[in-house]
Protein backbone atom coordinates (compact mmCIF):
# COMPACT_ATOMS: atom_id res chain seq x y z
CA MET A 1 63.95 82.42 123.43
CA SER A 2 65.02 81.61 119.90
CA GLU A 3 66.85 84.17 117.82
CA LYS A 4 64.09 86.32 116.37
CA ASN A 5 64.38 89.45 114.31
CA LEU A 6 64.42 92.39 116.71
CA SER A 7 61.68 94.21 114.83
CA GLU A 8 59.34 91.24 115.44
CA LEU A 9 59.62 91.52 119.23
CA THR A 10 56.93 93.13 121.35
CA ASN A 11 57.83 96.05 123.60
CA GLU A 12 58.03 93.80 126.66
CA GLU A 13 60.25 91.28 124.87
CA LEU A 14 62.43 94.11 123.58
CA LEU A 15 62.94 95.49 127.09
CA GLU A 16 63.74 91.99 128.38
CA GLU A 17 66.28 91.51 125.59
CA ALA A 18 67.88 94.87 126.41
CA LYS A 19 68.20 93.96 130.10
CA ARG A 20 69.73 90.60 129.26
CA ASN A 21 72.25 91.94 126.73
CA LYS A 22 73.66 95.05 128.34
CA PRO A 23 76.83 96.00 126.46
CA LYS A 24 80.07 96.02 128.40
CA PRO A 25 82.40 98.03 126.13
CA ILE A 26 85.47 98.06 128.39
CA PHE A 27 85.38 94.28 128.86
CA THR A 28 84.78 93.72 125.14
CA ALA A 29 87.62 96.03 124.08
CA THR A 30 90.04 94.44 126.57
CA PHE A 31 89.10 90.92 125.51
CA ILE A 32 89.48 91.77 121.80
CA GLY A 33 92.90 93.28 122.56
CA ILE A 34 94.00 90.11 124.34
CA LEU A 35 92.74 87.97 121.45
CA ILE A 36 94.60 90.12 118.92
CA GLY A 37 97.74 89.70 121.04
CA ILE A 38 97.29 85.91 120.92
CA ILE A 39 96.89 86.05 117.13
CA ILE A 40 100.03 88.17 116.74
CA TYR A 41 101.97 85.80 119.01
CA SER A 42 100.86 82.80 116.98
CA ILE A 43 101.87 84.50 113.72
CA VAL A 44 105.31 85.40 115.13
CA GLN A 45 105.80 81.81 116.34
CA ASN A 46 104.61 80.45 112.97
CA THR A 47 101.93 78.32 114.61
CA TRP A 48 98.82 78.49 112.46
CA GLY A 49 95.85 76.46 113.54
CA LEU A 50 93.50 76.55 116.49
CA VAL A 51 95.66 79.12 118.26
CA THR A 52 94.87 81.53 115.43
CA LEU A 53 91.39 80.44 114.39
CA VAL A 54 89.70 80.35 117.81
CA PRO A 55 90.56 83.99 118.65
CA LEU A 56 89.40 85.07 115.18
CA PHE A 57 86.08 83.32 115.73
CA LEU A 58 85.65 84.87 119.18
CA ILE A 59 86.41 88.36 117.82
CA TYR A 60 83.80 87.81 115.11
CA GLN A 61 81.20 86.76 117.70
CA LEU A 62 81.93 89.79 119.90
CA LEU A 63 81.61 92.19 116.97
CA LYS A 64 78.40 90.50 115.84
CA ARG A 65 76.93 90.92 119.33
CA SER A 66 77.95 94.58 119.27
CA LYS A 67 76.06 95.15 116.02
CA ARG A 68 72.98 93.46 117.49
CA ASN A 69 73.17 95.75 120.53
CA ASP A 70 73.32 98.78 118.23
CA GLU A 71 70.21 97.57 116.39
CA LEU A 72 68.49 96.96 119.73
CA GLU A 73 69.24 100.49 120.95
CA LYS A 74 68.06 102.01 117.68
CA LEU A 75 64.80 100.06 117.78
CA MET A 76 64.20 101.02 121.43
CA GLU A 77 64.76 104.67 120.53
CA GLU A 78 62.26 104.42 117.65
CA ARG A 79 59.64 102.92 119.98
CA LYS A 80 60.53 105.45 122.69
CA LEU A 81 61.36 102.76 125.25
CA LYS A 82 63.76 103.23 128.15
CA LEU A 83 65.41 100.80 130.52
């Protein structure tokens, strides 16, 4: 399915999206911590480049997914849907 605005989804599509994108906060927090450690290591070693930019991009993507999950939960609550 292409990236559609969450408010445009039907109830069935919204439930399917929620099942597919269950948040895993412990994994996400651990992975972000590891990526921050890689960034700090690269700064200490004075190696700017992919070693610094790739973790920054991955952190951005994880935080963006987290915001989408928050929107999804809010919309499900408004429509009184449960998993």
